[in-house]
């Protein structure tokens, strides 16, 4: 009887040791990631912090959404810029969860539709007054996201919508 118990304990110990995640010196430090908030919380923070809102609209089944989370939104440069210059929000574009954003109440999916989202992922930037600056459809790799954030940074520093009007028109003129 005692031998059976010892064997069972030994087998359980081996199973736990094999199944448990391990960390090694080779893994290195974990990468930073964007700290997402709800759209509602982001709207409130944008007003008080006077920062634009950077919204990622996703769907649970969207492979490119997951890829952006694992790559673009784990890049230290992108994470640093988003956290210092924007209030970040993540929204499920297929959700019926109610949300209030800049005094407008609707579901998350209705908000995404109002923004013109037709596929996932979609990135939407809203200024601190609640006005949509741009809706970028599709996946952004790290390099393209950096260029996109550069353009947005220049746009906001130069006065944003109030002084420059439509972001896309302004950006196209800039590029010649």
Protein backbone atom coordinates (compact mmCIF):
# COMPACT_ATOMS: atom_id res chain seq x y z
CA UNK A 1 0.00 0.00 0.00
CA UNK A 2 2.76 2.45 0.91
CA UNK A 3 4.60 1.74 -2.36
CA UNK A 4 1.44 2.55 -4.36
CA UNK A 5 1.03 5.85 -2.52
CA UNK A 6 4.69 6.75 -3.09
CA UNK A 7 4.36 5.92 -6.80
CA UNK A 8 1.22 8.05 -7.08
CA UNK A 9 2.91 10.96 -5.32
CA UNK A 10 6.00 10.59 -7.51
CA UNK A 11 3.89 10.46 -10.68
CA UNK A 12 1.93 13.53 -9.62
CA UNK A 13 5.15 15.40 -8.82
CA UNK A 14 6.64 14.56 -12.21
CA UNK A 15 3.42 15.60 -13.96
CA UNK A 16 3.35 18.96 -12.16
CA UNK A 17 7.03 19.57 -12.85
CA UNK A 18 6.62 18.84 -16.56
CA UNK A 19 3.34 20.76 -16.97
CA UNK A 20 4.33 23.85 -14.98
CA UNK A 21 5.66 26.79 -16.97
CA UNK A 22 9.30 27.51 -16.37
CA UNK A 23 11.34 30.61 -16.70
CA UNK A 24 14.95 30.66 -17.72
CA UNK A 25 17.61 33.27 -18.18
CA UNK A 26 17.25 32.78 -21.94
CA UNK A 27 13.67 34.08 -21.99
CA UNK A 28 14.74 37.55 -20.91
CA UNK A 29 12.42 40.27 -19.68
CA UNK A 30 8.84 40.29 -20.85
CA UNK A 31 7.89 42.86 -23.45
CA UNK A 32 5.74 45.82 -22.46
CA UNK A 33 2.20 45.96 -23.74
CA UNK A 34 -0.39 48.65 -24.27
CA UNK A 35 -2.60 49.20 -21.23
CA UNK A 36 -6.09 49.24 -22.74
CA UNK A 37 -9.08 50.77 -21.01
CA UNK A 38 -12.76 50.75 -21.88
CA UNK A 39 -14.01 53.34 -24.36
CA UNK A 40 -16.06 54.97 -21.63
CA UNK A 41 -13.10 55.32 -19.25
CA UNK A 42 -10.89 56.56 -22.10
CA UNK A 43 -13.37 59.31 -22.96
CA UNK A 44 -13.41 60.53 -19.37
CA UNK A 45 -9.61 60.43 -19.15
CA UNK A 46 -9.21 62.22 -22.51
CA UNK A 47 -11.24 65.17 -21.24
CA UNK A 48 -9.25 65.55 -18.04
CA UNK A 49 -5.82 64.79 -19.53
CA UNK A 50 -6.51 66.69 -22.77
CA UNK A 51 -5.14 63.79 -24.81
CA UNK A 52 -6.57 62.12 -27.89
CA UNK A 53 -8.03 58.61 -27.63
CA UNK A 54 -6.45 55.79 -29.63
CA UNK A 55 -9.04 53.03 -30.05
CA UNK A 56 -8.41 49.52 -31.31
CA UNK A 57 -11.62 47.97 -32.59
CA UNK A 58 -11.33 44.19 -32.66
CA UNK A 59 -13.32 40.97 -32.91
CA UNK A 60 -12.60 37.89 -30.81
CA UNK A 61 -12.10 35.70 -33.90
CA UNK A 62 -9.81 38.20 -35.72
CA UNK A 63 -6.35 36.73 -36.33
CA UNK A 64 -4.81 40.06 -37.33
CA UNK A 65 -6.15 41.65 -34.13
CA UNK A 66 -4.36 39.00 -32.09
CA UNK A 67 -1.23 39.45 -34.21
CA UNK A 68 -1.21 43.21 -33.54
CA UNK A 69 -1.59 42.53 -29.82
CA UNK A 70 1.37 40.14 -29.94
CA UNK A 71 3.67 42.28 -32.10
CA UNK A 72 2.82 45.93 -32.80
CA UNK A 73 1.29 46.59 -29.39
CA UNK A 74 4.23 44.88 -27.63
CA UNK A 75 6.92 46.96 -29.34
CA UNK A 76 8.54 49.18 -26.68
CA UNK A 77 8.64 52.24 -28.96
CA UNK A 78 4.97 51.95 -29.94
CA UNK A 79 3.88 51.18 -26.38
CA UNK A 80 5.83 54.17 -25.04
CA UNK A 81 4.37 56.59 -27.59
CA UNK A 82 0.82 55.38 -27.11
CA UNK A 83 1.03 55.53 -23.32
CA UNK A 84 2.59 59.00 -23.25
CA UNK A 85 0.59 60.71 -26.02
CA UNK A 86 -2.82 58.98 -25.99
CA UNK A 87 -5.45 57.47 -23.82
CA UNK A 88 -5.80 53.94 -25.20
CA UNK A 89 -9.04 52.00 -25.47
CA UNK A 90 -10.00 48.64 -26.87
CA UNK A 91 -13.49 47.91 -28.10
CA UNK A 92 -15.14 44.73 -29.38
CA UNK A 93 -16.78 45.80 -32.63
CA UNK A 94 -19.29 42.95 -32.39
CA UNK A 95 -20.38 43.49 -28.79
CA UNK A 96 -23.79 44.57 -27.60
CA UNK A 97 -22.23 45.93 -24.40
CA UNK A 98 -23.58 49.44 -23.71
CA UNK A 99 -21.10 52.30 -23.72
CA UNK A 100 -21.30 56.06 -23.22
CA UNK A 101 -18.60 58.05 -24.99
CA UNK A 102 -18.62 61.86 -24.96
CA UNK A 103 -22.29 61.91 -23.93
CA UNK A 104 -23.39 59.46 -26.67
CA UNK A 105 -24.88 56.17 -25.44
CA UNK A 106 -24.98 53.09 -27.66
CA UNK A 107 -23.52 49.60 -27.88
CA UNK A 108 -19.88 48.95 -28.74
CA UNK A 109 -20.89 47.54 -32.15
CA UNK A 110 -23.05 50.59 -32.87
CA UNK A 111 -20.12 52.87 -32.03
CA UNK A 112 -17.89 50.91 -34.40
CA UNK A 113 -20.52 51.15 -37.16
CA UNK A 114 -20.89 54.89 -36.54
CA UNK A 115 -17.13 55.20 -37.09
CA UNK A 116 -17.41 53.38 -40.42
CA UNK A 117 -15.68 50.18 -39.31
CA UNK A 118 -16.20 47.50 -41.95
CA UNK A 119 -13.55 45.00 -40.86
CA UNK A 120 -11.15 44.15 -38.09
CA UNK A 121 -8.85 45.39 -36.80
CA UNK A 122 -9.66 49.07 -37.15
CA UNK A 123 -7.80 51.87 -35.41
CA UNK A 124 -9.67 55.04 -34.61
CA UNK A 125 -8.23 58.23 -33.19
CA UNK A 126 -10.58 60.68 -31.47
CA UNK A 127 -9.46 64.12 -30.32
CA UNK A 128 -9.97 65.31 -26.71
CA UNK A 129 -13.25 66.96 -27.75
CA UNK A 130 -14.70 63.66 -28.98
CA UNK A 131 -14.28 64.29 -32.71
CA UNK A 132 -13.03 61.47 -34.90
CA UNK A 133 -9.69 62.37 -36.43
CA UNK A 134 -9.07 59.25 -38.49
CA UNK A 135 -10.19 55.66 -38.91
CA UNK A 136 -7.43 53.34 -40.12
CA UNK A 137 -8.74 50.01 -41.42
CA UNK A 138 -6.61 46.91 -41.11
CA UNK A 139 -3.46 45.54 -39.61
CA UNK A 140 -0.49 47.81 -38.85
CA UNK A 141 2.96 46.35 -38.45
CA UNK A 142 5.37 48.09 -36.10
CA UNK A 143 7.08 50.19 -38.77
CA UNK A 144 3.82 51.41 -40.32
CA UNK A 145 2.37 52.11 -36.87
CA UNK A 146 5.42 54.26 -36.13
CA UNK A 147 4.88 56.32 -39.29
CA UNK A 148 1.15 56.62 -38.51
CA UNK A 149 1.89 57.85 -34.97
CA UNK A 150 4.51 60.29 -36.33
CA UNK A 151 1.93 61.84 -38.67
CA UNK A 152 -0.67 62.04 -35.93
CA UNK A 153 1.84 63.64 -33.56
CA UNK A 154 2.68 66.38 -36.07
CA UNK A 155 -1.03 66.89 -36.79
CA UNK A 156 -1.91 67.36 -33.12
CA UNK A 157 1.10 69.60 -32.40
CA UNK A 158 0.16 71.82 -35.35
CA UNK A 159 -3.36 72.37 -34.04
CA UNK A 160 -5.36 69.28 -34.99
CA UNK A 161 -8.82 69.54 -36.49
CA UNK A 162 -9.33 73.11 -35.27
CA UNK A 163 -6.43 74.49 -37.31
CA UNK A 164 -5.78 71.87 -39.97
CA UNK A 165 -9.17 70.38 -40.71
CA UNK A 166 -9.41 66.80 -41.94
CA UNK A 167 -6.42 64.63 -41.02
CA UNK A 168 -6.43 62.56 -44.22
CA UNK A 169 -6.56 65.64 -46.46
CA UNK A 170 -3.82 67.32 -44.42
CA UNK A 171 -1.62 64.21 -44.50
CA UNK A 172 -2.06 63.78 -48.27
CA UNK A 173 -1.10 67.43 -48.89
CA UNK A 174 1.96 67.03 -46.69
CA UNK A 175 3.19 64.07 -48.67
CA UNK A 176 2.72 65.98 -51.90
